[in-house]
PDB file of N, CA and C in Angstrom:
ATOM      1  N   UNK A   1      -6.497  20.182  25.795  1.00  0.00           N
ATOM      2  CA  UNK A   1      -7.214  20.212  24.754  1.00  0.00           C
ATOM      3  C   UNK A   1      -8.228  19.744  24.254  1.00  0.00           C
ATOM      4  N   UNK A   2      -9.480  20.377  24.320  1.00  0.00           N
ATOM      5  CA  UNK A   2     -11.090  19.748  24.466  1.00  0.00           C
ATOM      6  C   UNK A   2     -11.476  19.733  22.658  1.00  0.00           C
ATOM      7  N   UNK A   3     -11.395  18.514  22.131  1.00  0.00           N
ATOM      8  CA  UNK A   3     -11.291  18.295  20.126  1.00  0.00           C
ATOM      9  C   UNK A   3     -12.896  17.902  19.806  1.00  0.00           C
ATOM     10  N   UNK A   4     -13.629  18.351  19.652  1.00  0.00           N
ATOM     11  CA  UNK A   4     -14.805  18.338  19.374  1.00  0.00           C
ATOM     12  C   UNK A   4     -15.335  18.482  17.602  1.00  0.00           C
ATOM     13  N   UNK A   5     -15.996  17.009  17.341  1.00  0.00           N
ATOM     14  CA  UNK A   5     -15.896  17.024  16.174  1.00  0.00           C
ATOM     15  C   UNK A   5     -17.649  17.085  15.528  1.00  0.00           C
ATOM     16  N   UNK A   6     -18.283  17.690  14.872  1.00  0.00           N
ATOM     17  CA  UNK A   6     -19.131  17.853  13.894  1.00  0.00           C
ATOM     18  C   UNK A   6     -19.539  17.164  12.810  1.00  0.00           C
ATOM     19  N   UNK A   7     -20.448  16.361  12.685  1.00  0.00           N
ATOM     20  CA  UNK A   7     -20.403  15.763  11.319  1.00  0.00           C
ATOM     21  C   UNK A   7     -21.277  16.460  10.798  1.00  0.00           C
ATOM     22  N   UNK A   8     -21.123  16.818   9.254  1.00  0.00           N
ATOM     23  CA  UNK A   8     -21.735  17.559   8.752  1.00  0.00           C
ATOM     24  C   UNK A   8     -23.295  16.845   7.788  1.00  0.00           C
ATOM     25  N   UNK A   9     -23.098  15.871   7.573  1.00  0.00           N
ATOM     26  CA  UNK A   9     -23.377  14.895   6.713  1.00  0.00           C
ATOM     27  C   UNK A   9     -24.929  13.638   7.467  1.00  0.00           C
ATOM     28  N   UNK A  10     -25.461  13.729   6.731  1.00  0.00           N
ATOM     29  CA  UNK A  10     -26.291  12.520   7.843  1.00  0.00           C
ATOM     30  C   UNK A  10     -26.109  10.855   7.530  1.00  0.00           C
ATOM     31  N   UNK A  11     -26.510  10.093   8.443  1.00  0.00           N
ATOM     32  CA  UNK A  11     -25.910   8.726   8.429  1.00  0.00           C
ATOM     33  C   UNK A  11     -25.861   7.941   6.933  1.00  0.00           C
ATOM     34  N   UNK A  12     -27.207   8.566   5.974  1.00  0.00           N
ATOM     35  CA  UNK A  12     -27.607   8.300   4.937  1.00  0.00           C
ATOM     36  C   UNK A  12     -26.615   8.751   3.586  1.00  0.00           C
ATOM     37  N   UNK A  13     -26.116   9.619   3.830  1.00  0.00           N
ATOM     38  CA  UNK A  13     -25.612  10.798   2.779  1.00  0.00           C
ATOM     39  C   UNK A  13     -23.934   9.761   2.737  1.00  0.00           C
ATOM     40  N   UNK A  14     -23.572   9.447   4.432  1.00  0.00           N
ATOM     41  CA  UNK A  14     -21.881   9.130   4.249  1.00  0.00           C
ATOM     42  C   UNK A  14     -22.075   7.811   3.816  1.00  0.00           C
ATOM     43  N   UNK A  15     -23.431   6.695   4.257  1.00  0.00           N
ATOM     44  CA  UNK A  15     -22.752   5.360   3.618  1.00  0.00           C
ATOM     45  C   UNK A  15     -23.273   5.344   2.077  1.00  0.00           C
ATOM     46  N   UNK A  16     -23.899   6.331   1.214  1.00  0.00           N
ATOM     47  CA  UNK A  16     -24.199   5.991   0.345  1.00  0.00           C
ATOM     48  C   UNK A  16     -23.504   6.489  -0.587  1.00  0.00           C
ATOM     49  N   UNK A  17     -22.252   5.399  -0.633  1.00  0.00           N
ATOM     50  CA  UNK A  17     -21.289   6.154  -1.841  1.00  0.00           C
ATOM     51  C   UNK A  17     -21.400   5.233  -3.266  1.00  0.00           C
ATOM     52  N   UNK A  18     -21.054   6.552  -4.196  1.00  0.00           N
ATOM     53  CA  UNK A  18     -21.158   5.645  -5.872  1.00  0.00           C
ATOM     54  C   UNK A  18     -20.458   4.100  -5.740  1.00  0.00           C
ATOM     55  N   UNK A  19     -21.313   3.192  -6.347  1.00  0.00           N
ATOM     56  CA  UNK A  19     -20.551   1.909  -6.665  1.00  0.00           C
ATOM     57  C   UNK A  19     -18.870   1.629  -6.894  1.00  0.00           C
ATOM     58  N   UNK A  20     -18.805   2.975  -7.713  1.00  0.00           N
ATOM     59  CA  UNK A  20     -17.054   2.854  -8.064  1.00  0.00           C
ATOM     60  C   UNK A  20     -16.332   3.012  -6.625  1.00  0.00           C
ATOM     61  N   UNK A  21     -16.550   3.686  -5.860  1.00  0.00           N
ATOM     62  CA  UNK A  21     -15.506   3.972  -4.674  1.00  0.00           C
ATOM     63  C   UNK A  21     -15.742   3.108  -4.198  1.00  0.00           C
ATOM     64  N   UNK A  22     -17.027   2.124  -3.898  1.00  0.00           N
ATOM     65  CA  UNK A  22     -17.081   0.874  -2.826  1.00  0.00           C
ATOM     66  C   UNK A  22     -15.947  -0.029  -2.738  1.00  0.00           C
ATOM     67  N   UNK A  23     -15.484  -0.724  -4.343  1.00  0.00           N
ATOM     68  CA  UNK A  23     -15.168  -1.775  -4.865  1.00  0.00           C
ATOM     69  C   UNK A  23     -13.106  -0.888  -4.639  1.00  0.00           C
ATOM     70  N   UNK A  24     -12.009  -1.519  -4.602  1.00  0.00           N
ATOM     71  CA  UNK A  24     -10.795  -1.151  -4.856  1.00  0.00           C
ATOM     72  C   UNK A  24     -10.580  -1.628  -6.528  1.00  0.00           C
ATOM     73  N   UNK A  25      -9.759  -0.310  -6.961  1.00  0.00           N
ATOM     74  CA  UNK A  25      -9.440  -0.486  -8.191  1.00  0.00           C
ATOM     75  C   UNK A  25      -8.574  -1.746  -8.249  1.00  0.00           C
ATOM     76  N   UNK A  26      -8.623  -2.268  -9.539  1.00  0.00           N
ATOM     77  CA  UNK A  26      -7.518  -3.966  -9.716  1.00  0.00           C
ATOM     78  C   UNK A  26      -6.393  -2.940 -10.725  1.00  0.00           C
ATOM     79  N   UNK A  27      -5.285  -3.367 -10.074  1.00  0.00           N
ATOM     80  CA  UNK A  27      -4.062  -2.985 -10.867  1.00  0.00           C
ATOM     81  C   UNK A  27      -3.443  -3.978 -11.978  1.00  0.00           C
ATOM     82  N   UNK A  28      -3.536  -3.520 -13.094  1.00  0.00           N
ATOM     83  CA  UNK A  28      -2.961  -4.299 -13.875  1.00  0.00           C
ATOM     84  C   UNK A  28      -1.501  -3.608 -14.616  1.00  0.00           C
ATOM     85  N   UNK A  29      -0.697  -4.590 -15.482  1.00  0.00           N
ATOM     86  CA  UNK A  29       0.524  -4.653 -15.609  1.00  0.00           C
ATOM     87  C   UNK A  29       0.528  -3.515 -16.086  1.00  0.00           C
ATOM     88  N   UNK A  30      -0.372  -3.095 -17.472  1.00  0.00           N
ATOM     89  CA  UNK A  30       0.221  -1.663 -18.267  1.00  0.00           C
ATOM     90  C   UNK A  30       0.050  -0.565 -16.659  1.00  0.00           C
ATOM     91  N   UNK A  31      -0.132  -0.750 -15.726  1.00  0.00           N
ATOM     92  CA  UNK A  31      -0.216   0.307 -15.077  1.00  0.00           C
ATOM     93  C   UNK A  31       1.014   0.810 -14.271  1.00  0.00           C
ATOM     94  N   UNK A  32       1.753   0.052 -13.877  1.00  0.00           N
ATOM     95  CA  UNK A  32       3.037  -0.296 -13.650  1.00  0.00           C
ATOM     96  C   UNK A  32       4.352  -0.061 -14.444  1.00  0.00           C
ATOM     97  N   UNK A  33       4.812   1.142 -14.257  1.00  0.00           N
ATOM     98  CA  UNK A  33       6.255   1.881 -15.009  1.00  0.00           C
ATOM     99  C   UNK A  33       7.183   0.711 -14.417  1.00  0.00           C
ATOM    100  N   UNK A  34       8.458   0.965 -15.185  1.00  0.00           N
ATOM    101  CA  UNK A  34       9.496   0.591 -15.217  1.00  0.00           C
ATOM    102  C   UNK A  34      10.137   1.278 -14.058  1.00  0.00           C
ATOM    103  N   UNK A  35      11.008   0.295 -13.235  1.00  0.00           N
ATOM    104  CA  UNK A  35      11.361   1.098 -11.691  1.00  0.00           C
ATOM    105  C   UNK A  35      11.917   2.346 -11.837  1.00  0.00           C
ATOM    106  N   UNK A  36      12.245   3.270 -11.179  1.00  0.00           N
ATOM    107  CA  UNK A  36      13.141   4.171 -11.287  1.00  0.00           C
ATOM    108  C   UNK A  36      14.404   4.756 -10.444  1.00  0.00           C
ATOM    109  N   UNK A  37      15.411   5.054 -10.206  1.00  0.00           N
ATOM    110  CA  UNK A  37      16.384   5.259  -9.515  1.00  0.00           C
ATOM    111  C   UNK A  37      16.813   3.990  -8.866  1.00  0.00           C
ATOM    112  N   UNK A  38      16.910   2.996  -9.416  1.00  0.00           N
ATOM    113  CA  UNK A  38      16.900   1.599  -8.299  1.00  0.00           C
ATOM    114  C   UNK A  38      18.281   1.116  -8.674  1.00  0.00           C
ATOM    115  N   UNK A  39      18.734   0.913  -7.527  1.00  0.00           N
ATOM    116  CA  UNK A  39      20.221   0.540  -7.148  1.00  0.00           C
ATOM    117  C   UNK A  39      20.265  -0.565  -6.745  1.00  0.00           C
ATOM    118  N   UNK A  40      20.546  -1.855  -7.261  1.00  0.00           N
ATOM    119  CA  UNK A  40      20.928  -3.096  -6.591  1.00  0.00           C
ATOM    120  C   UNK A  40      21.419  -3.127  -5.833  1.00  0.00           C
ATOM    121  N   UNK A  41      21.651  -3.609  -4.232  1.00  0.00           N
ATOM    122  CA  UNK A  41      22.571  -3.318  -2.814  1.00  0.00           C
ATOM    123  C   UNK A  41      23.530  -4.224  -2.896  1.00  0.00           C
ATOM    124  N   UNK A  42      22.231  -5.357  -2.380  1.00  0.00           N
ATOM    125  CA  UNK A  42      22.439  -7.175  -2.437  1.00  0.00           C
ATOM    126  C   UNK A  42      21.350  -8.138  -2.713  1.00  0.00           C
ATOM    127  N   UNK A  43      21.887  -9.069  -2.726  1.00  0.00           N
ATOM    128  CA  UNK A  43      21.346 -10.754  -3.281  1.00  0.00           C
ATOM    129  C   UNK A  43      21.413 -11.218  -2.484  1.00  0.00           C
ATOM    130  N   UNK A  44      20.156 -11.918  -1.909  1.00  0.00           N
ATOM    131  CA  UNK A  44      19.813 -12.709  -1.287  1.00  0.00           C
ATOM    132  C   UNK A  44      19.662 -13.736  -1.669  1.00  0.00           C
ATOM    133  N   UNK A  45      20.549 -15.350  -1.805  1.00  0.00           N
ATOM    134  CA  UNK A  45      20.031 -16.142  -2.085  1.00  0.00           C
ATOM    135  C   UNK A  45      19.549 -17.519  -1.018  1.00  0.00           C
ATOM    136  N   UNK A  46      18.895 -18.093  -1.553  1.00  0.00           N
ATOM    137  CA  UNK A  46      18.274 -19.643  -0.709  1.00  0.00           C
ATOM    138  C   UNK A  46      19.421 -20.108   0.431  1.00  0.00           C
ATOM    139  N   UNK A  47      20.391 -19.917   0.300  1.00  0.00           N
ATOM    140  CA  UNK A  47      21.601 -20.622   1.795  1.00  0.00           C
ATOM    141  C   UNK A  47      21.488 -19.200   2.734  1.00  0.00           C
ATOM    142  N   UNK A  48      21.164 -17.754   1.812  1.00  0.00           N
ATOM    143  CA  UNK A  48      21.250 -17.441   3.086  1.00  0.00           C
ATOM    144  C   UNK A  48      19.686 -16.812   3.332  1.00  0.00           C
ATOM    145  N   UNK A  49      18.801 -17.464   3.160  1.00  0.00           N
ATOM    146  CA  UNK A  49      17.447 -17.679   4.285  1.00  0.00           C
ATOM    147  C   UNK A  49      17.758 -18.466   5.099  1.00  0.00           C
ATOM    148  N   UNK A  50      18.544 -19.455   5.031  1.00  0.00           N
ATOM    149  CA  UNK A  50      19.171 -20.312   6.245  1.00  0.00           C
ATOM    150  C   UNK A  50      20.190 -19.845   7.157  1.00  0.00           C
ATOM    151  N   UNK A  51      20.989 -18.929   6.963  1.00  0.00           N
ATOM    152  CA  UNK A  51      21.699 -18.930   7.667  1.00  0.00           C
ATOM    153  C   UNK A  51      21.377 -17.535   8.184  1.00  0.00           C
ATOM    154  N   UNK A  52      20.402 -17.026   7.921  1.00  0.00           N
ATOM    155  CA  UNK A  52      20.135 -16.244   9.251  1.00  0.00           C
ATOM    156  C   UNK A  52      20.682 -14.161   8.333  1.00  0.00           C
ATOM    157  N   UNK A  53      20.106 -13.229   8.617  1.00  0.00           N
ATOM    158  CA  UNK A  53      20.234 -11.731   7.837  1.00  0.00           C
ATOM    159  C   UNK A  53      21.565 -11.423   8.162  1.00  0.00           C
ATOM    160  N   UNK A  54      22.569 -11.592   8.966  1.00  0.00           N
ATOM    161  CA  UNK A  54      23.484 -11.346   9.361  1.00  0.00           C
ATOM    162  C   UNK A  54      24.776 -11.481   8.121  1.00  0.00           C
ATOM    163  N   UNK A  55      24.560 -12.240   7.484  1.00  0.00           N
ATOM    164  CA  UNK A  55      25.559 -12.758   6.457  1.00  0.00           C
ATOM    165  C   UNK A  55      24.918 -11.197   5.058  1.00  0.00           C
ATOM    166  N   UNK A  56      23.928 -10.626   4.928  1.00  0.00           N
ATOM    167  CA  UNK A  56      23.556  -9.637   4.145  1.00  0.00           C
ATOM    168  C   UNK A  56      23.720  -8.511   4.620  1.00  0.00           C
ATOM    169  N   UNK A  57      24.733  -7.746   4.147  1.00  0.00           N
ATOM    170  CA  UNK A  57      24.921  -6.553   4.386  1.00  0.00           C
ATOM    171  C   UNK A  57      24.781  -5.154   3.200  1.00  0.00           C
TER     172      UNK A  57
END
């Protein structure tokens, strides 16, 4: 199948995004909520890091 893409906008329209869309939105603590459905399944300590991941189940 041949797919053809047609551009409906001129290049000047494509690259003239408003300034608020150009910058990434900064995330702060007020935007982050408590974990939901969190289940603690394992603990990795400093000794486990050097012994390999086989000791973690």
